Amino acid sequence: MAPLFPQAVIEPTGFADLPGWAQDDHAKAFAAFRRSCGSIARKGDLVTPSRPVFAALRPICARAARLPKNISDQKAQAFFEKEFRPYTIAALEQANGFLTGYYESEVEGSRIRSGEFATPLYARPGDLVIESPPGGGPPTNKSGAFRKVEGKLVPYHDRAAIEDGALGDQGRVVAWIRDPADAFFAHIQGSVRVRLPDGEVLRLNYDGHNGQPYTPIGRLLIERGLVPREKMSMDAIRAYIAAHPPEGRELMRQNRSYIFFRIAHELKPDDGAVGAQGLPLMAGRSIAVDKAIHVYGTPFYLDAALPTGLEGASEPFERLMIAQDTGSAIIGPARADIFFGAGTQAGTVAGRIQHPGRFTLLLPRALDPARARVPLPKPRPAQAPRALLPAAVSETP
């Protein structure tokens, strides 16, 4: 048996010790939490048997469902304080966690290829096989992706091969867009809005990955001395690619990871992108976490100084968030990607976020983290490649 949060330091704290706790908008956090509760009530945990946090969340969700839909901020705060205990959490030998940001972009495109729109966004290929984790359940951000060749499973094509036409007859395009860099960042974010010539907007969301490793190209630009670390952002990466087209194309191909999309017909115009929990994300309240460690629906309180102000000015970010997504770069007990919404402004803010932060995990009061244990996972086959599930990730050097 393994501890509830292996490779982590977890210490009890008090709600009164959380900076900005009393001033937060708990009603918004409650709305995001109850949205997660709908999924928790309908579906089982990602692993079997259910993890202790998942089992403990279910009765809390049942009580949340009996509260008024438009709950007051005071009652929402009282709900969280009654149902949960706060614990600071960090990786071993690290004082803080690490935060990045992501968003949903909007680009112009077409359902039909043309001279203007010639960059494809692919649907999930029919020959793609994504393995299930040991013990069953849906694929995780460490699941492998394969195709069959002469009856044997081999690793799926990487980015360069796909761009060079490796999909062949398996390549079905859901939309054509103008800029290869926009396609690249849509892969990183895991979703995109494509505005068609007639004004219709296609909402595209993650629908599979190629299992190849994710390489943050921002880190490559820093290592090559092309962009100073202190000036690294998503805007800086875009500027380099735009100014150096051949080098930019080769740089993007260094990230072998590639994802496939589906049209999210279920989304309303004002809904956020669909996260890995299968729900529309809430801007400023949804985070992506390492789902191998954390359960979707778990509340986290984040305390950090982030460049969310005018022209990147640093501001306190003290907010109750709900874990509703995951991503290939989101690995570890105190690692989160903050969803900032859709559009250019959200993208500018999200691209600046690469900062330390204090993580406070809200655990159901029924749980004692010192005593709770989870089954150790079965060893993975040695030949299985490390794979990534970029449902929603940010560009992290």
Protein backbone atom coordinates (compact mmCIF):
# COMPACT_ATOMS: atom_id res chain seq x y z
CA MET A 1 0.00 0.00 0.00
CA ALA A 2 1.11 3.56 -0.70
CA PRO A 3 0.34 6.82 1.14
CA LEU A 4 -2.48 9.02 -0.10
CA PHE A 5 -0.05 11.55 -1.61
CA PRO A 6 3.31 9.90 -2.29
CA GLN A 7 6.34 12.10 -2.92
CA ALA A 8 4.60 15.02 -1.20
CA VAL A 9 4.78 16.96 2.05
CA ILE A 10 1.31 17.66 3.44
CA GLU A 11 0.68 19.70 6.58
CA PRO A 12 -2.56 20.80 8.24
CA THR A 13 -3.36 24.50 8.30
CA GLY A 14 -6.38 26.68 9.06
CA PHE A 15 -8.75 28.60 6.81
CA ALA A 16 -7.91 31.75 8.76
CA ASP A 17 -4.27 31.26 7.77
CA LEU A 18 -5.02 31.38 4.03
CA PRO A 19 -4.30 34.87 2.64
CA GLY A 20 -7.44 36.36 1.10
CA TRP A 21 -9.68 33.41 2.03
CA ALA A 22 -12.42 35.52 3.60
CA GLN A 23 -12.46 37.93 0.63
CA ASP A 24 -12.69 35.29 -2.12
CA ASP A 25 -15.82 34.70 -4.19
CA HIS A 26 -16.75 31.33 -2.74
CA ALA A 27 -20.05 31.23 -4.63
CA LYS A 28 -18.18 31.02 -7.96
CA ALA A 29 -15.96 28.27 -6.60
CA PHE A 30 -19.07 26.45 -5.36
CA ALA A 31 -20.63 26.65 -8.83
CA ALA A 32 -17.52 25.05 -10.33
CA PHE A 33 -17.43 22.43 -7.58
CA ARG A 34 -21.08 21.46 -8.05
CA ARG A 35 -20.45 21.13 -11.79
CA SER A 36 -17.74 18.60 -10.97
CA CYS A 37 -20.11 16.87 -8.58
CA GLY A 38 -22.43 16.05 -11.46
CA SER A 39 -19.66 14.04 -13.06
CA ILE A 40 -18.66 12.44 -9.76
CA ALA A 41 -22.25 11.27 -9.24
CA ARG A 42 -22.53 9.80 -12.76
CA LYS A 43 -19.12 8.19 -13.17
CA GLY A 44 -16.72 6.12 -11.14
CA ASP A 45 -13.15 7.08 -10.31
CA LEU A 46 -10.43 6.86 -12.93
CA VAL A 47 -9.00 3.81 -11.16
CA THR A 48 -10.41 0.72 -9.47
CA PRO A 49 -10.91 0.53 -6.54
CA SER A 50 -11.88 4.18 -6.08
CA ARG A 51 -9.33 6.38 -4.38
CA PRO A 52 -10.20 7.54 -0.85
CA VAL A 53 -10.62 11.19 -1.93
CA PHE A 54 -13.10 10.22 -4.65
CA ALA A 55 -15.16 8.09 -2.26
CA ALA A 56 -15.18 10.87 0.33
CA LEU A 57 -16.27 13.50 -2.21
CA ARG A 58 -19.43 11.64 -3.19
CA PRO A 59 -21.43 12.27 0.03
CA ILE A 60 -20.22 15.89 0.06
CA CYS A 61 -21.51 16.27 -3.48
CA ALA A 62 -24.85 14.83 -2.44
CA ARG A 63 -25.13 17.49 0.25
CA ALA A 64 -24.05 20.20 -2.20
CA ALA A 65 -26.85 19.15 -4.56
CA ARG A 66 -29.44 19.90 -1.88
CA LEU A 67 -28.32 23.52 -1.52
CA PRO A 68 -29.89 26.34 -3.56
CA LYS A 69 -28.46 26.83 -7.04
CA ASN A 70 -27.75 30.53 -6.45
CA ILE A 71 -26.09 30.13 -3.08
CA SER A 72 -24.78 33.23 -1.31
CA ASP A 73 -21.07 33.78 -0.92
CA GLN A 74 -21.35 33.46 2.86
CA LYS A 75 -23.16 30.11 2.64
CA ALA A 76 -20.69 28.83 0.07
CA GLN A 77 -17.78 29.74 2.33
CA ALA A 78 -19.50 28.03 5.26
CA PHE A 79 -20.06 24.93 3.10
CA PHE A 80 -16.38 24.56 2.24
CA GLU A 81 -15.28 25.20 5.82
CA LYS A 82 -17.77 22.62 7.15
CA GLU A 83 -17.02 19.89 4.62
CA PHE A 84 -13.25 20.19 4.19
CA ARG A 85 -10.00 20.60 6.09
CA PRO A 86 -7.14 22.61 4.52
CA TYR A 87 -3.66 21.11 4.11
CA THR A 88 -0.67 22.74 2.46
CA ILE A 89 0.91 20.41 -0.08
CA ALA A 90 4.25 20.54 -1.86
CA ALA A 91 6.64 18.15 -3.55
CA LEU A 92 9.43 16.77 -1.41
CA GLU A 93 12.18 19.30 -0.68
CA GLN A 94 10.21 22.13 -2.33
CA ALA A 95 8.63 24.99 -0.43
CA ASN A 96 6.13 25.92 -3.14
CA GLY A 97 4.33 24.50 -6.12
CA PHE A 98 4.43 25.79 -9.69
CA LEU A 99 1.72 27.51 -11.73
CA THR A 100 1.19 28.08 -15.43
CA GLY A 101 -1.83 29.27 -17.41
CA TYR A 102 -3.82 28.14 -20.43
CA TYR A 103 -6.71 29.43 -22.50
CA GLU A 104 -8.90 28.74 -25.54
CA SER A 105 -7.82 30.58 -28.68
CA GLU A 106 -10.03 31.72 -31.55
CA VAL A 107 -8.80 31.64 -35.14
CA GLU A 108 -10.30 32.06 -38.60
CA GLY A 109 -10.74 28.93 -40.67
CA SER A 110 -12.84 26.86 -43.05
CA ARG A 111 -14.29 23.40 -43.44
CA ILE A 112 -12.77 23.35 -46.93
CA ARG A 113 -9.09 23.66 -47.84
CA SER A 114 -8.13 26.76 -49.84
CA GLY A 115 -5.08 28.83 -50.60
CA GLU A 116 -5.80 30.92 -47.50
CA PHE A 117 -6.72 28.06 -45.16
CA ALA A 118 -4.30 25.19 -45.76
CA THR A 119 -3.24 24.07 -42.26
CA PRO A 120 -5.22 21.03 -41.03
CA LEU A 121 -6.65 20.29 -37.61
CA TYR A 122 -7.13 16.52 -37.65
CA ALA A 123 -9.83 14.34 -36.16
CA ARG A 124 -8.79 11.24 -34.26
CA PRO A 125 -7.45 8.69 -36.78
CA GLY A 126 -9.19 5.34 -37.03
CA ASP A 127 -5.94 3.42 -36.52
CA LEU A 128 -5.03 5.16 -33.25
CA VAL A 129 -4.94 2.81 -30.24
CA ILE A 130 -4.57 4.40 -26.80
CA GLU A 131 -3.84 1.91 -24.05
CA SER A 132 -5.78 1.72 -20.79
CA PRO A 133 -3.82 2.07 -17.55
CA PRO A 134 -3.06 -0.93 -15.33
CA GLY A 135 -6.21 -1.86 -13.40
CA GLY A 136 -8.52 -0.51 -16.09
CA GLY A 137 -10.22 2.82 -16.47
CA PRO A 138 -9.80 5.54 -19.11
CA PRO A 139 -6.37 6.54 -20.45
CA THR A 140 -4.22 8.82 -18.29
CA ASN A 141 -1.59 11.40 -19.16
CA LYS A 142 0.91 8.53 -19.13
CA SER A 143 -1.00 6.22 -21.47
CA GLY A 144 0.72 4.93 -24.60
CA ALA A 145 -0.58 5.49 -28.12
CA PHE A 146 -0.01 2.97 -30.89
CA ARG A 147 -0.99 1.70 -34.35
CA LYS A 148 -0.94 -1.82 -35.70
CA VAL A 149 1.69 -2.85 -38.22
CA GLU A 150 1.58 -6.48 -39.36
CA GLY A 151 -0.47 -7.37 -36.30
CA LYS A 152 1.91 -5.72 -33.81
CA LEU A 153 1.48 -2.46 -31.89
CA VAL A 154 4.10 0.17 -32.67
CA PRO A 155 4.38 3.79 -31.41
CA TYR A 156 2.16 6.24 -33.24
CA HIS A 157 3.55 8.79 -35.71
CA ASP A 158 5.24 11.85 -34.25
CA ARG A 159 4.52 15.49 -35.18
CA ALA A 160 7.03 15.71 -38.01
CA ALA A 161 5.76 12.51 -39.62
CA ILE A 162 2.13 13.64 -39.37
CA GLU A 163 2.96 17.01 -40.89
CA ASP A 164 4.74 15.19 -43.71
CA GLY A 165 1.60 13.17 -44.53
CA ALA A 166 2.04 9.97 -42.51
CA LEU A 167 -1.68 9.73 -41.68
CA GLY A 168 -2.55 8.99 -45.28
CA ASP A 169 -6.09 7.65 -45.60
CA GLN A 170 -6.49 7.89 -41.82
CA GLY A 171 -6.21 11.68 -41.91
CA ARG A 172 -9.66 13.26 -41.54
CA VAL A 173 -9.65 17.05 -41.16
CA VAL A 174 -12.22 18.79 -38.92
CA ALA A 175 -11.14 22.30 -39.95
CA TRP A 176 -8.53 24.14 -42.02
CA ILE A 177 -6.88 27.24 -40.57
CA ARG A 178 -4.44 29.83 -41.83
CA ASP A 179 -1.38 29.73 -39.56
CA PRO A 180 0.66 26.61 -38.64
CA ALA A 181 1.64 28.36 -35.41
CA ASP A 182 -2.05 28.67 -34.48
CA ALA A 183 -2.42 24.92 -35.04
CA PHE A 184 0.64 24.26 -32.89
CA PHE A 185 -0.71 26.32 -30.00
CA ALA A 186 -4.14 24.72 -30.37
CA HIS A 187 -2.38 21.40 -29.75
CA ILE A 188 -0.75 22.83 -26.65
CA GLN A 189 -3.97 24.33 -25.29
CA GLY A 190 -6.08 21.29 -26.19
CA SER A 191 -8.95 23.29 -27.66
CA VAL A 192 -9.67 26.07 -30.15
CA ARG A 193 -12.57 28.09 -31.55
CA VAL A 194 -12.57 28.21 -35.36
CA ARG A 195 -14.61 31.06 -36.86
CA LEU A 196 -15.87 30.09 -40.31
CA PRO A 197 -16.41 32.55 -43.20
CA ASP A 198 -20.19 32.58 -42.57
CA GLY A 199 -19.71 33.54 -38.91
CA GLU A 200 -20.34 30.08 -37.44
CA VAL A 201 -17.89 29.10 -34.71
CA LEU A 202 -16.69 25.52 -34.41
CA ARG A 203 -15.74 24.51 -30.87
CA LEU A 204 -12.95 21.96 -31.18
CA ASN A 205 -11.76 19.92 -28.22
CA TYR A 206 -9.19 17.26 -27.49
CA ASP A 207 -10.00 13.77 -28.78
CA GLY A 208 -6.78 11.79 -28.55
CA HIS A 209 -3.02 12.06 -28.63
CA ASN A 210 -0.14 10.40 -30.43
CA GLY A 211 1.68 9.25 -27.29
CA GLN A 212 4.92 11.00 -28.15
CA PRO A 213 6.79 13.08 -25.54
CA TYR A 214 5.89 16.72 -25.04
CA THR A 215 8.83 19.10 -25.46
CA PRO A 216 8.28 22.73 -24.38
CA ILE A 217 9.80 24.79 -27.19
CA GLY A 218 10.10 27.79 -24.89
CA ARG A 219 12.76 25.86 -23.04
CA LEU A 220 14.58 25.21 -26.32
CA LEU A 221 14.58 28.92 -27.15
CA ILE A 222 16.11 29.67 -23.75
CA GLU A 223 18.72 26.92 -24.05
CA ARG A 224 19.73 28.18 -27.51
CA GLY A 225 20.09 31.74 -26.25
CA LEU A 226 17.36 33.02 -28.58
CA VAL A 227 15.03 34.39 -25.90
CA PRO A 228 16.12 35.41 -22.37
CA ARG A 229 14.50 33.39 -19.62
CA GLU A 230 13.08 36.51 -17.97
CA LYS A 231 11.33 37.50 -21.23
CA MET A 232 9.92 34.07 -22.04
CA SER A 233 6.18 33.98 -22.69
CA MET A 234 3.78 32.58 -25.25
CA ASP A 235 3.86 35.93 -27.05
CA ALA A 236 7.66 35.75 -27.22
CA ILE A 237 7.48 32.28 -28.76
CA ARG A 238 4.94 33.43 -31.34
CA ALA A 239 7.08 36.46 -32.20
CA TYR A 240 10.13 34.28 -32.81
CA ILE A 241 8.19 31.87 -35.05
CA ALA A 242 6.69 34.75 -37.05
CA ALA A 243 10.08 36.43 -37.52
CA HIS A 244 11.93 33.22 -38.46
CA PRO A 245 9.54 31.01 -40.50
CA PRO A 246 11.95 28.15 -41.47
CA GLU A 247 13.57 28.02 -38.04
CA GLY A 248 10.17 28.37 -36.38
CA ARG A 249 8.75 25.41 -38.30
CA GLU A 250 11.71 23.25 -37.33
CA LEU A 251 11.41 24.42 -33.72
CA MET A 252 7.74 23.36 -33.55
CA ARG A 253 8.63 19.96 -34.99
CA GLN A 254 10.94 19.39 -32.01
CA ASN A 255 7.78 18.89 -29.95
CA ARG A 256 6.89 15.38 -31.11
CA SER A 257 3.56 15.41 -29.23
CA TYR A 258 0.44 15.86 -31.38
CA ILE A 259 -3.25 15.85 -30.54
CA PHE A 260 -6.49 15.28 -32.44
CA PHE A 261 -9.79 17.16 -32.19
CA ARG A 262 -13.52 16.64 -32.24
CA ILE A 263 -16.32 19.16 -32.73
CA ALA A 264 -17.85 19.77 -29.29
CA HIS A 265 -21.50 20.09 -30.32
CA GLU A 266 -22.61 20.00 -26.69
CA LEU A 267 -21.00 23.34 -25.83
CA LYS A 268 -23.04 26.52 -25.54
CA PRO A 269 -21.55 29.75 -26.94
CA ASP A 270 -20.56 31.01 -23.48
CA ASP A 271 -19.18 27.70 -22.21
CA GLY A 272 -15.49 27.29 -21.60
CA ALA A 273 -13.46 24.56 -23.24
CA VAL A 274 -14.23 20.99 -22.17
CA GLY A 275 -11.72 19.73 -19.62
CA ALA A 276 -10.57 16.17 -19.07
CA GLN A 277 -13.38 15.65 -16.54
CA GLY A 278 -15.74 16.05 -19.48
CA LEU A 279 -17.19 19.37 -18.32
CA PRO A 280 -17.00 22.98 -19.57
CA LEU A 281 -14.23 24.76 -17.69
CA MET A 282 -14.88 27.93 -15.70
CA ALA A 283 -12.46 30.78 -16.37
CA GLY A 284 -10.52 31.70 -13.26
CA ARG A 285 -11.88 28.75 -11.25
CA SER A 286 -10.79 25.62 -13.12
CA ILE A 287 -7.30 24.15 -12.95
CA ALA A 288 -5.53 21.25 -14.59
CA VAL A 289 -3.71 18.90 -12.20
CA ASP A 290 -1.84 15.62 -12.31
CA LYS A 291 -4.75 13.18 -12.31
CA ALA A 292 -2.46 10.30 -11.43
CA ILE A 293 -2.23 11.98 -8.01
CA HIS A 294 -5.36 14.10 -7.60
CA VAL A 295 -9.08 13.45 -8.06
CA TYR A 296 -11.18 15.67 -10.32
CA GLY A 297 -13.49 17.84 -8.25
CA THR A 298 -10.92 18.38 -5.49
CA PRO A 299 -10.79 22.01 -4.28
CA PHE A 300 -7.42 23.77 -4.08
CA TYR A 301 -6.67 27.20 -2.66
CA LEU A 302 -3.89 28.96 -4.57
CA ASP A 303 -1.81 31.76 -3.10
CA ALA A 304 0.65 33.43 -5.47
CA ALA A 305 1.82 36.72 -6.97
CA LEU A 306 1.01 36.53 -10.69
CA PRO A 307 1.38 39.00 -13.61
CA THR A 308 -2.37 39.32 -14.17
CA GLY A 309 -2.52 43.12 -13.87
CA LEU A 310 -2.30 45.86 -16.47
CA GLU A 311 0.69 45.32 -18.79
CA GLY A 312 1.73 42.33 -16.73
CA ALA A 313 1.81 43.98 -13.34
CA SER A 314 2.07 41.53 -10.46
CA GLU A 315 -1.05 41.03 -8.37
CA PRO A 316 -2.06 38.69 -5.54
CA PHE A 317 -3.82 35.60 -6.84
CA GLU A 318 -5.66 34.20 -3.82
CA ARG A 319 -8.45 31.99 -5.02
CA LEU A 320 -10.32 28.74 -4.45
CA MET A 321 -10.03 26.57 -7.56
CA ILE A 322 -11.47 23.21 -8.62
CA ALA A 323 -9.44 20.45 -10.31
CA GLN A 324 -11.24 19.68 -13.59
CA ASP A 325 -8.55 19.04 -16.17
CA THR A 326 -5.11 17.58 -16.77
CA GLY A 327 -2.19 18.03 -19.15
CA SER A 328 1.10 16.54 -20.26
CA ALA A 329 3.20 19.19 -18.51
CA ILE A 330 1.16 18.96 -15.30
CA ILE A 331 3.12 16.48 -13.24
CA GLY A 332 3.51 16.43 -9.46
CA PRO A 333 1.48 16.98 -6.29
CA ALA A 334 1.75 20.80 -6.34
CA ARG A 335 1.52 21.64 -10.04
CA ALA A 336 -1.43 23.36 -11.70
CA ASP A 337 -2.44 25.03 -14.95
CA ILE A 338 -4.97 27.85 -14.49
CA PHE A 339 -7.70 28.20 -17.12
CA PHE A 340 -8.11 31.89 -17.99
CA GLY A 341 -10.91 31.63 -20.56
CA ALA A 342 -11.01 32.36 -24.29
CA GLY A 343 -9.62 35.00 -26.62
CA THR A 344 -6.55 37.14 -27.10
CA GLN A 345 -6.56 38.82 -23.69
CA ALA A 346 -6.90 35.49 -21.88
CA GLY A 347 -4.06 34.13 -24.00
CA THR A 348 -1.79 37.06 -23.19
CA VAL A 349 -2.35 36.61 -19.45
CA ALA A 350 -2.04 32.81 -19.58
CA GLY A 351 1.19 33.03 -21.54
CA ARG A 352 2.85 35.08 -18.80
CA ILE A 353 2.21 32.61 -16.00
CA GLN A 354 5.26 30.58 -14.98
CA HIS A 355 5.40 31.26 -11.27
CA PRO A 356 5.73 29.58 -7.88
CA GLY A 357 2.71 29.44 -5.65
CA ARG A 358 1.47 28.01 -2.39
CA PHE A 359 -0.96 25.12 -2.77
CA THR A 360 -3.55 24.33 -0.12
CA LEU A 361 -5.49 21.13 -0.70
CA LEU A 362 -9.01 20.93 0.73
CA LEU A 363 -9.58 17.35 1.86
CA PRO A 364 -12.94 15.92 2.95
CA ARG A 365 -13.15 15.90 6.73
CA ALA A 366 -13.82 12.16 6.66
CA LEU A 367 -10.24 11.59 5.52
CA ASP A 368 -7.10 11.47 7.62
CA PRO A 369 -4.20 11.81 5.15
CA ALA A 370 -1.81 10.29 7.67
CA ARG A 371 -3.81 7.07 7.72
CA ALA A 372 -5.41 6.88 4.29
CA ARG A 373 -3.67 4.51 1.88
CA VAL A 374 -4.17 3.62 -1.77
CA PRO A 375 -3.13 0.44 -3.60
CA LEU A 376 0.25 0.57 -5.28
CA PRO A 377 -0.06 0.60 -9.11
CA LYS A 378 1.05 -2.44 -11.04
CA PRO A 379 4.39 -2.05 -12.84
CA ARG A 380 4.07 -0.94 -16.47
CA PRO A 381 5.65 -3.14 -19.16
CA ALA A 382 9.24 -2.10 -19.74
CA GLN A 383 8.71 -1.71 -23.47
CA ALA A 384 5.78 0.70 -23.17
CA PRO A 385 6.89 4.24 -24.11
CA ARG A 386 6.23 7.21 -21.87
CA ALA A 387 3.22 9.04 -23.27
CA LEU A 388 1.38 12.26 -22.66
CA LEU A 389 -2.22 13.42 -22.65
CA PRO A 390 -2.19 17.11 -23.57
CA ALA A 391 -5.90 17.78 -22.86
CA ALA A 392 -4.94 21.20 -21.78
CA VAL A 393 -1.33 22.28 -21.20
CA SER A 394 0.61 25.50 -21.27
CA GLU A 395 3.96 26.28 -22.80
CA THR A 396 6.38 25.82 -19.91
CA PRO A 397 10.11 26.24 -20.35
